[in-house]
Protein backbone atom coordinates (compact mmCIF):
# COMPACT_ATOMS: atom_id res chain seq x y z
CA UNK A 1 4.94 27.55 10.50
CA UNK A 2 1.90 28.42 8.41
CA UNK A 3 0.49 25.80 6.07
CA UNK A 4 1.70 26.38 2.51
CA UNK A 5 -0.97 26.26 -0.17
CA UNK A 6 -0.62 23.73 -2.95
CA UNK A 7 -2.85 21.81 -5.30
CA UNK A 8 -3.67 19.17 -2.64
CA UNK A 9 -3.71 21.39 0.46
CA UNK A 10 -7.51 21.33 0.75
CA UNK A 11 -7.72 17.56 0.35
CA UNK A 12 -4.94 16.99 2.88
CA UNK A 13 -6.92 18.83 5.58
CA UNK A 14 -9.88 16.41 5.39
CA UNK A 15 -10.45 14.19 8.40
CA UNK A 16 -13.19 11.77 9.37
CA UNK A 17 -13.78 11.17 13.08
CA UNK A 18 -10.37 12.70 13.76
CA UNK A 19 -8.58 10.35 11.34
CA UNK A 20 -6.52 12.34 8.79
CA UNK A 21 -7.81 10.51 5.72
CA UNK A 22 -7.11 13.50 3.49
CA UNK A 23 -3.44 13.52 4.45
CA UNK A 24 -3.25 9.77 3.82
CA UNK A 25 -4.96 10.02 0.42
CA UNK A 26 -3.00 13.06 -0.76
CA UNK A 27 0.28 11.63 0.57
CA UNK A 28 -0.35 8.30 -1.14
CA UNK A 29 -1.18 10.10 -4.38
CA UNK A 30 1.97 12.23 -4.23
CA UNK A 31 4.15 9.22 -3.32
CA UNK A 32 2.53 7.22 -6.12
CA UNK A 33 3.36 9.93 -8.66
CA UNK A 34 6.93 10.08 -7.36
CA UNK A 35 7.21 6.28 -7.47
CA UNK A 36 5.94 6.27 -11.06
CA UNK A 37 8.59 8.81 -12.02
CA UNK A 38 11.24 6.79 -10.17
CA UNK A 39 10.31 3.67 -12.16
CA UNK A 40 11.03 5.57 -15.39
CA UNK A 41 14.67 6.17 -14.41
CA UNK A 42 16.77 3.95 -16.69
CA UNK A 43 19.84 3.95 -14.42
CA UNK A 44 20.29 0.93 -12.16
CA UNK A 45 20.46 2.66 -8.77
CA UNK A 46 19.32 0.86 -5.61
CA UNK A 47 15.66 1.62 -4.97
CA UNK A 48 16.33 2.46 -1.35
CA UNK A 49 18.71 5.26 -2.38
CA UNK A 50 16.35 6.67 -4.99
CA UNK A 51 13.37 6.60 -2.63
CA UNK A 52 15.44 8.19 0.13
CA UNK A 53 16.46 11.05 -2.15
CA UNK A 54 12.88 11.36 -3.44
CA UNK A 55 11.62 11.54 0.15
CA UNK A 56 14.09 14.31 0.96
CA UNK A 57 13.21 16.20 -2.25
CA UNK A 58 9.50 15.85 -1.53
CA UNK A 59 9.93 17.39 1.93
CA UNK A 60 12.14 20.20 0.53
CA UNK A 61 10.26 21.23 -2.63
CA UNK A 62 6.92 19.43 -2.51
CA UNK A 63 5.09 21.95 -0.31
CA UNK A 64 5.25 24.60 -3.03
CA UNK A 65 3.47 22.29 -5.47
CA UNK A 66 1.29 19.97 -3.37
CA UNK A 67 0.91 21.74 -0.03
CA UNK A 68 2.83 21.15 3.19
CA UNK A 69 0.78 18.31 4.65
CA UNK A 70 0.48 16.40 1.36
CA UNK A 71 4.22 16.75 0.68
CA UNK A 72 5.19 15.70 4.21
CA UNK A 73 2.93 12.67 4.11
CA UNK A 74 4.14 11.74 0.61
CA UNK A 75 7.74 12.07 1.83
CA UNK A 76 6.90 9.85 4.79
CA UNK A 77 5.44 7.18 2.48
CA UNK A 78 8.55 7.26 0.29
CA UNK A 79 10.79 6.98 3.36
CA UNK A 80 8.69 4.04 4.59
CA UNK A 81 9.03 2.32 1.20
CA UNK A 82 12.81 2.75 1.39
CA UNK A 83 12.98 1.30 4.91
CA UNK A 84 10.62 -1.54 4.02
CA UNK A 85 12.89 -2.43 1.10
CA UNK A 86 15.86 -2.60 3.46
CA UNK A 87 14.31 -4.39 6.44
CA UNK A 88 10.95 -5.98 5.41
CA UNK A 89 9.32 -5.13 8.74
CA UNK A 90 5.98 -6.73 7.80
CA UNK A 91 7.67 -10.00 6.84
CA UNK A 92 9.66 -10.06 10.08
CA UNK A 93 6.58 -9.45 12.23
CA UNK A 94 4.53 -11.98 10.24
CA UNK A 95 7.29 -14.55 10.72
CA UNK A 96 7.42 -13.82 14.44
CA UNK A 97 3.69 -14.46 14.83
CA UNK A 98 3.81 -17.60 12.69
CA UNK A 99 6.55 -19.02 14.91
CA UNK A 100 4.48 -18.12 17.96
CA UNK A 101 1.53 -19.98 16.40
CA UNK A 102 -1.00 -17.23 17.08
CA UNK A 103 -1.77 -16.01 13.55
CA UNK A 104 -1.11 -16.93 9.97
CA UNK A 105 -2.51 -20.44 10.12
CA UNK A 106 -2.58 -21.71 6.54
CA UNK A 107 -5.80 -23.28 5.31
CA UNK A 108 -5.75 -26.28 3.00
CA UNK A 109 -7.86 -26.09 -0.15
CA UNK A 110 -9.30 -29.33 -1.45
CA UNK A 111 -9.29 -29.55 -5.23
CA UNK A 112 -12.42 -31.06 -6.72
CA UNK A 113 -11.10 -31.74 -10.21
CA UNK A 114 -8.28 -30.75 -12.51
CA UNK A 115 -7.95 -27.03 -11.90
CA UNK A 116 -11.30 -26.69 -10.11
CA UNK A 117 -11.94 -25.65 -6.55
CA UNK A 118 -15.18 -25.91 -4.57
CA UNK A 119 -16.17 -22.62 -3.02
CA UNK A 120 -17.84 -22.55 0.39
CA UNK A 121 -21.66 -22.10 0.33
CA UNK A 122 -21.47 -18.87 2.37
CA UNK A 123 -19.67 -17.23 -0.56
CA UNK A 124 -22.13 -18.53 -3.14
CA UNK A 125 -25.43 -18.10 -1.34
CA UNK A 126 -27.88 -20.82 -0.43
CA UNK A 127 -29.40 -21.23 -3.93
CA UNK A 128 -26.19 -21.93 -5.82
CA UNK A 129 -26.41 -24.79 -8.27
CA UNK A 130 -23.79 -27.55 -8.38
CA UNK A 131 -22.34 -26.02 -11.58
CA UNK A 132 -21.95 -22.60 -9.91
CA UNK A 133 -20.13 -24.18 -6.97
CA UNK A 134 -17.21 -25.18 -9.19
CA UNK A 135 -14.93 -22.49 -10.51
CA UNK A 136 -11.96 -22.89 -12.81
CA UNK A 137 -8.74 -21.89 -11.12
CA UNK A 138 -6.24 -20.42 -13.62
C-alpha cells in the first residue's frame, strides 16, 4: 500500500544510521497530542479502554491527517501505554532483576546537615569550594 501523505509524512521518513528516528518522533508527537486530548475527557472511563480506542482510531483515521507511518507509530505508542497500564512490564522486569541481584542496587546518600547533601567531586569539578559542595535538598 502506498504511503499516504499527511502533515508529518516527511518527518516520519527520517532515519539516522538506519534507525527510524523520524517515525519515533512523529509517533510520539501524535500520541502526545492524543493523550492530551484524552486527559481533557471529563468522563471517568478506564484509561486502558480510552487509549485502546484512541489507538484504533489513530490507525483508522490518522493517516489522512498525519501520514501513514506517523499514525501507525502513534497508534503503537497509545497501544503500548494501554498495555503498560494493565501489566506494568517495566516494573515486572525491574523487580525480576532486583530479585536476581544483578541490577538496581540502591545507593545510600549520606546527609551532611539538615536538608543538605554532599555532591561527589566528579560532579562539581576539582576547584569547587566547600560552600559549592553543599546543596540544599528540597
